[in-house]
Amino acid sequence: EIRVVIELNFRAEFEMARASQEYNKLIQWLPEVYVGKPERLRNVIKILCGAAKKFMKEKKMHLGPWRKHKYMQAKWFGQCTESIVTANTATSPAVAVKYPEPQFKPRASML
């Protein structure tokens, strides 16, 4: 069993409107579509979030919480659980993604 992460809009997840020229050069090295192992993605996220933090600090700009390392990790490694469905050799394998059922908390009356 091999786990794979597929992100169709990978580069755009790290692009910023007012990023420095150095940061934009770094982003241009990213693939538009990411297909790879979760371990490699974790390393890429760590490097890019560190670079974003550094460049935004140099420009004395606020780094939004959605650009921080913890948030970006949660984006790909959050609550989604994946399972691989094996198929016979006549058909290609399919990947099924399961999301946990939403759990609703009963609301207390404000009256």
N, C-alpha and C. Protein backbone atom coordinates (compact mmCIF):
# COMPACT_ATOMS: atom_id res chain seq x y z
N GLU A 1 0.85 -1.18 0.00
CA GLU A 1 0.00 0.00 0.00
C GLU A 1 0.89 1.24 0.00
N ILE A 2 0.68 2.10 -0.96
CA ILE A 2 1.44 3.35 -1.06
C ILE A 2 0.45 4.50 -0.97
N ARG A 3 0.70 5.40 -0.05
CA ARG A 3 -0.16 6.57 0.09
C ARG A 3 0.38 7.70 -0.77
N VAL A 4 -0.53 8.38 -1.43
CA VAL A 4 -0.15 9.46 -2.34
C VAL A 4 -1.08 10.64 -2.11
N VAL A 5 -0.52 11.84 -2.15
CA VAL A 5 -1.31 13.07 -2.07
C VAL A 5 -1.38 13.65 -3.47
N ILE A 6 -2.58 14.03 -3.89
CA ILE A 6 -2.77 14.66 -5.20
C ILE A 6 -3.39 16.03 -4.97
N GLU A 7 -2.71 17.07 -5.42
CA GLU A 7 -3.22 18.45 -5.33
C GLU A 7 -3.14 19.05 -6.72
N LEU A 8 -4.29 19.37 -7.29
CA LEU A 8 -4.35 19.85 -8.67
C LEU A 8 -3.93 21.30 -8.84
N ASN A 9 -3.96 22.07 -7.78
CA ASN A 9 -3.64 23.50 -7.86
C ASN A 9 -2.56 23.84 -6.84
N PHE A 10 -1.50 23.06 -6.82
CA PHE A 10 -0.49 23.14 -5.77
C PHE A 10 0.23 24.48 -5.72
N ARG A 11 0.74 24.94 -6.84
CA ARG A 11 1.51 26.19 -6.86
C ARG A 11 0.67 27.36 -6.36
N ALA A 12 -0.58 27.42 -6.77
CA ALA A 12 -1.46 28.54 -6.39
C ALA A 12 -1.69 28.61 -4.88
N GLU A 13 -1.55 27.50 -4.18
CA GLU A 13 -1.74 27.49 -2.73
C GLU A 13 -0.69 28.35 -2.02
N PHE A 14 0.45 28.58 -2.65
CA PHE A 14 1.54 29.31 -2.02
C PHE A 14 1.78 30.69 -2.64
N GLU A 15 1.08 31.03 -3.70
CA GLU A 15 1.28 32.33 -4.34
C GLU A 15 0.71 33.46 -3.48
N MET A 16 1.38 34.62 -3.51
CA MET A 16 0.94 35.80 -2.77
C MET A 16 0.98 37.00 -3.69
N ALA A 17 0.05 37.91 -3.50
CA ALA A 17 -0.04 39.09 -4.37
C ALA A 17 1.16 40.01 -4.22
N ARG A 18 1.60 40.27 -3.01
CA ARG A 18 2.69 41.22 -2.78
C ARG A 18 3.98 40.54 -2.34
N ALA A 19 4.20 39.36 -2.81
CA ALA A 19 5.40 38.61 -2.41
C ALA A 19 6.65 39.24 -3.01
N SER A 20 7.77 38.98 -2.37
CA SER A 20 9.04 39.50 -2.88
C SER A 20 9.44 38.74 -4.15
N GLN A 21 10.37 39.31 -4.87
CA GLN A 21 10.83 38.69 -6.10
C GLN A 21 11.49 37.33 -5.81
N GLU A 22 12.23 37.27 -4.70
CA GLU A 22 12.88 36.01 -4.31
C GLU A 22 11.85 34.92 -4.03
N TYR A 23 10.79 35.29 -3.31
CA TYR A 23 9.75 34.31 -2.99
C TYR A 23 9.05 33.83 -4.26
N ASN A 24 8.77 34.75 -5.17
CA ASN A 24 8.12 34.37 -6.42
C ASN A 24 8.99 33.43 -7.25
N LYS A 25 10.32 33.64 -7.22
CA LYS A 25 11.22 32.72 -7.91
C LYS A 25 11.14 31.33 -7.30
N LEU A 26 11.08 31.28 -5.98
CA LEU A 26 10.96 30.00 -5.28
C LEU A 26 9.66 29.29 -5.66
N ILE A 27 8.59 30.03 -5.71
CA ILE A 27 7.28 29.46 -6.04
C ILE A 27 7.25 28.94 -7.47
N GLN A 28 7.96 29.59 -8.38
CA GLN A 28 7.97 29.14 -9.77
C GLN A 28 8.59 27.75 -9.94
N TRP A 29 9.37 27.31 -8.96
CA TRP A 29 9.96 25.98 -9.02
C TRP A 29 8.95 24.89 -8.66
N LEU A 30 7.84 25.29 -8.05
CA LEU A 30 6.83 24.30 -7.66
C LEU A 30 6.06 23.79 -8.87
N PRO A 31 5.65 22.54 -8.82
CA PRO A 31 4.81 22.03 -9.92
C PRO A 31 3.39 22.57 -9.78
N GLU A 32 2.71 22.71 -10.89
CA GLU A 32 1.31 23.15 -10.88
C GLU A 32 0.45 22.08 -10.21
N VAL A 33 0.74 20.82 -10.48
CA VAL A 33 0.02 19.68 -9.91
C VAL A 33 1.01 18.87 -9.08
N TYR A 34 0.65 18.61 -7.83
CA TYR A 34 1.51 17.80 -6.96
C TYR A 34 0.93 16.39 -6.85
N VAL A 35 1.76 15.41 -7.12
CA VAL A 35 1.44 14.01 -6.89
C VAL A 35 2.66 13.42 -6.20
N GLY A 36 2.52 13.05 -4.95
CA GLY A 36 3.67 12.54 -4.24
C GLY A 36 3.34 12.01 -2.87
N LYS A 37 4.37 11.58 -2.19
CA LYS A 37 4.22 11.00 -0.86
C LYS A 37 3.94 12.09 0.17
N PRO A 38 3.17 11.75 1.20
CA PRO A 38 2.87 12.73 2.26
C PRO A 38 4.12 13.25 2.97
N GLU A 39 5.13 12.40 3.15
CA GLU A 39 6.36 12.83 3.84
C GLU A 39 7.05 13.95 3.06
N ARG A 40 7.09 13.81 1.76
CA ARG A 40 7.73 14.84 0.94
C ARG A 40 6.92 16.14 0.99
N LEU A 41 5.61 16.02 0.95
CA LEU A 41 4.76 17.20 1.02
C LEU A 41 4.96 17.93 2.34
N ARG A 42 5.10 17.19 3.43
CA ARG A 42 5.34 17.83 4.74
C ARG A 42 6.62 18.67 4.70
N ASN A 43 7.67 18.13 4.09
CA ASN A 43 8.94 18.86 3.99
C ASN A 43 8.80 20.10 3.12
N VAL A 44 8.11 19.98 2.00
CA VAL A 44 7.90 21.12 1.10
C VAL A 44 7.11 22.21 1.80
N ILE A 45 6.07 21.83 2.52
CA ILE A 45 5.25 22.81 3.25
C ILE A 45 6.09 23.54 4.29
N LYS A 46 6.92 22.80 5.01
CA LYS A 46 7.76 23.41 6.04
C LYS A 46 8.71 24.45 5.43
N ILE A 47 9.34 24.10 4.33
CA ILE A 47 10.27 25.01 3.67
C ILE A 47 9.55 26.25 3.14
N LEU A 48 8.44 26.05 2.46
CA LEU A 48 7.73 27.18 1.85
C LEU A 48 7.09 28.10 2.88
N CYS A 49 6.55 27.53 3.94
CA CYS A 49 5.96 28.37 4.98
C CYS A 49 7.04 29.17 5.71
N GLY A 50 8.20 28.56 5.91
CA GLY A 50 9.32 29.28 6.51
C GLY A 50 9.78 30.42 5.63
N ALA A 51 9.83 30.17 4.32
CA ALA A 51 10.23 31.22 3.37
C ALA A 51 9.20 32.34 3.33
N ALA A 52 7.92 31.98 3.34
CA ALA A 52 6.86 33.00 3.33
C ALA A 52 6.96 33.87 4.57
N LYS A 53 7.18 33.26 5.72
CA LYS A 53 7.30 34.01 6.97
C LYS A 53 8.49 34.97 6.91
N LYS A 54 9.61 34.48 6.41
CA LYS A 54 10.83 35.31 6.31
C LYS A 54 10.61 36.50 5.38
N PHE A 55 10.07 36.24 4.20
CA PHE A 55 9.90 37.32 3.23
C PHE A 55 8.84 38.33 3.66
N MET A 56 7.79 37.87 4.31
CA MET A 56 6.76 38.81 4.79
C MET A 56 7.31 39.66 5.94
N LYS A 57 8.15 39.06 6.77
CA LYS A 57 8.76 39.80 7.87
C LYS A 57 9.70 40.87 7.33
N GLU A 58 10.46 40.53 6.28
CA GLU A 58 11.36 41.50 5.65
C GLU A 58 10.59 42.69 5.08
N LYS A 59 9.41 42.45 4.56
CA LYS A 59 8.59 43.52 4.00
C LYS A 59 7.72 44.20 5.06
N LYS A 60 7.86 43.73 6.31
CA LYS A 60 7.08 44.27 7.44
C LYS A 60 5.58 44.17 7.17
N MET A 61 5.19 43.01 6.68
CA MET A 61 3.79 42.75 6.40
C MET A 61 3.31 41.59 7.27
N HIS A 62 2.01 41.59 7.52
CA HIS A 62 1.38 40.54 8.32
C HIS A 62 1.26 39.26 7.49
N LEU A 63 1.55 38.14 8.10
CA LEU A 63 1.38 36.84 7.46
C LEU A 63 0.05 36.27 7.92
N GLY A 64 -0.88 36.11 7.00
CA GLY A 64 -2.21 35.60 7.34
C GLY A 64 -2.14 34.20 7.95
N PRO A 65 -3.07 33.89 8.83
CA PRO A 65 -3.05 32.58 9.48
C PRO A 65 -3.18 31.43 8.49
N TRP A 66 -3.80 31.65 7.35
CA TRP A 66 -3.95 30.61 6.33
C TRP A 66 -2.65 30.34 5.59
N ARG A 67 -1.62 31.13 5.84
CA ARG A 67 -0.31 30.91 5.22
C ARG A 67 0.69 30.29 6.19
N LYS A 68 0.28 30.09 7.42
CA LYS A 68 1.18 29.55 8.43
C LYS A 68 1.29 28.03 8.32
N HIS A 69 2.41 27.52 8.83
CA HIS A 69 2.76 26.11 8.71
C HIS A 69 1.65 25.19 9.23
N LYS A 70 1.13 25.49 10.40
CA LYS A 70 0.13 24.62 11.03
C LYS A 70 -1.14 24.54 10.18
N TYR A 71 -1.57 25.66 9.65
CA TYR A 71 -2.77 25.69 8.82
C TYR A 71 -2.55 24.91 7.52
N MET A 72 -1.40 25.13 6.89
CA MET A 72 -1.11 24.45 5.63
C MET A 72 -1.01 22.93 5.84
N GLN A 73 -0.43 22.51 6.96
CA GLN A 73 -0.37 21.08 7.27
C GLN A 73 -1.79 20.52 7.41
N ALA A 74 -2.65 21.25 8.11
CA ALA A 74 -4.02 20.79 8.32
C ALA A 74 -4.80 20.71 7.01
N LYS A 75 -4.44 21.54 6.06
CA LYS A 75 -5.13 21.54 4.77
C LYS A 75 -5.03 20.18 4.08
N TRP A 76 -3.86 19.56 4.14
CA TRP A 76 -3.66 18.28 3.46
C TRP A 76 -3.67 17.07 4.40
N PHE A 77 -3.42 17.31 5.68
CA PHE A 77 -3.33 16.18 6.60
C PHE A 77 -4.32 16.29 7.74
N GLY A 78 -5.43 16.95 7.50
CA GLY A 78 -6.45 17.17 8.54
C GLY A 78 -7.27 15.93 8.83
N GLN A 79 -8.59 16.07 8.84
CA GLN A 79 -9.49 15.02 9.27
C GLN A 79 -9.82 14.00 8.18
N CYS A 80 -9.44 14.25 6.98
CA CYS A 80 -9.76 13.33 5.88
C CYS A 80 -8.98 12.03 6.05
N THR A 81 -9.67 10.92 5.96
CA THR A 81 -8.99 9.63 5.99
C THR A 81 -9.14 9.00 4.62
N GLU A 82 -8.07 8.45 4.15
CA GLU A 82 -8.12 7.88 2.81
C GLU A 82 -7.94 6.37 2.89
N SER A 83 -8.55 5.69 1.97
CA SER A 83 -8.35 4.25 1.87
C SER A 83 -8.18 3.89 0.41
N ILE A 84 -7.34 2.94 0.17
CA ILE A 84 -7.05 2.56 -1.21
C ILE A 84 -7.87 1.31 -1.54
N VAL A 85 -8.55 1.38 -2.64
CA VAL A 85 -9.34 0.25 -3.11
C VAL A 85 -8.52 -0.47 -4.15
N THR A 86 -8.27 -1.73 -3.94
CA THR A 86 -7.50 -2.49 -4.92
C THR A 86 -8.44 -3.03 -5.98
N ALA A 87 -7.92 -3.13 -7.17
CA ALA A 87 -8.72 -3.64 -8.29
C ALA A 87 -7.95 -4.76 -8.96
N ASN A 88 -8.64 -5.50 -9.80
CA ASN A 88 -7.94 -6.56 -10.51
C ASN A 88 -7.09 -5.96 -11.62
N THR A 89 -6.30 -6.76 -12.28
CA THR A 89 -5.37 -6.24 -13.28
C THR A 89 -6.06 -5.72 -14.53
N ALA A 90 -7.31 -6.10 -14.76
CA ALA A 90 -8.03 -5.64 -15.95
C ALA A 90 -8.45 -4.18 -15.84
N THR A 91 -8.61 -3.71 -14.61
CA THR A 91 -9.03 -2.31 -14.42
C THR A 91 -7.97 -1.58 -13.61
N SER A 92 -7.99 -0.29 -13.71
CA SER A 92 -7.02 0.51 -12.95
C SER A 92 -7.51 0.67 -11.52
N PRO A 93 -6.59 0.83 -10.55
CA PRO A 93 -7.00 1.02 -9.16
C PRO A 93 -7.65 2.37 -8.96
N ALA A 94 -8.55 2.41 -8.01
CA ALA A 94 -9.24 3.65 -7.68
C ALA A 94 -8.92 4.03 -6.25
N VAL A 95 -8.96 5.29 -5.97
CA VAL A 95 -8.72 5.78 -4.62
C VAL A 95 -10.02 6.35 -4.09
N ALA A 96 -10.44 5.86 -2.94
CA ALA A 96 -11.67 6.35 -2.32
C ALA A 96 -11.29 7.22 -1.13
N VAL A 97 -11.93 8.34 -1.00
CA VAL A 97 -11.66 9.25 0.11
C VAL A 97 -12.91 9.32 0.96
N LYS A 98 -12.75 9.06 2.25
CA LYS A 98 -13.88 9.10 3.17
C LYS A 98 -13.72 10.28 4.11
N TYR A 99 -14.79 10.98 4.34
CA TYR A 99 -14.79 12.08 5.29
C TYR A 99 -15.64 11.67 6.48
N PRO A 100 -15.20 11.99 7.68
CA PRO A 100 -15.99 11.61 8.85
C PRO A 100 -17.33 12.34 8.86
N GLU A 101 -18.32 11.68 9.42
CA GLU A 101 -19.63 12.30 9.53
C GLU A 101 -19.52 13.54 10.42
N PRO A 102 -20.17 14.65 10.03
CA PRO A 102 -20.11 15.84 10.88
C PRO A 102 -20.81 15.57 12.21
N GLN A 103 -20.22 16.05 13.26
CA GLN A 103 -20.81 15.87 14.57
C GLN A 103 -21.35 17.21 15.03
N PHE A 104 -22.65 17.21 15.28
CA PHE A 104 -23.31 18.44 15.68
C PHE A 104 -23.49 18.45 17.18
N LYS A 105 -23.14 19.57 17.78
CA LYS A 105 -23.33 19.73 19.20
C LYS A 105 -24.72 20.32 19.43
N PRO A 106 -25.44 19.81 20.41
CA PRO A 106 -26.74 20.42 20.69
C PRO A 106 -26.53 21.84 21.20
N ARG A 107 -27.31 22.74 20.68
CA ARG A 107 -27.17 24.14 21.09
C ARG A 107 -28.05 24.43 22.29
N ALA A 108 -27.49 25.16 23.21
CA ALA A 108 -28.25 25.58 24.38
C ALA A 108 -29.05 26.82 24.03
N SER A 109 -30.18 26.94 24.60
CA SER A 109 -31.02 28.10 24.35
C SER A 109 -30.40 29.33 24.99
N MET A 110 -30.44 30.43 24.28
CA MET A 110 -29.90 31.68 24.80
C MET A 110 -30.96 32.46 25.58
N LEU A 111 -32.17 31.90 25.67
CA LEU A 111 -33.26 32.62 26.37
C LEU A 111 -33.24 32.37 27.84
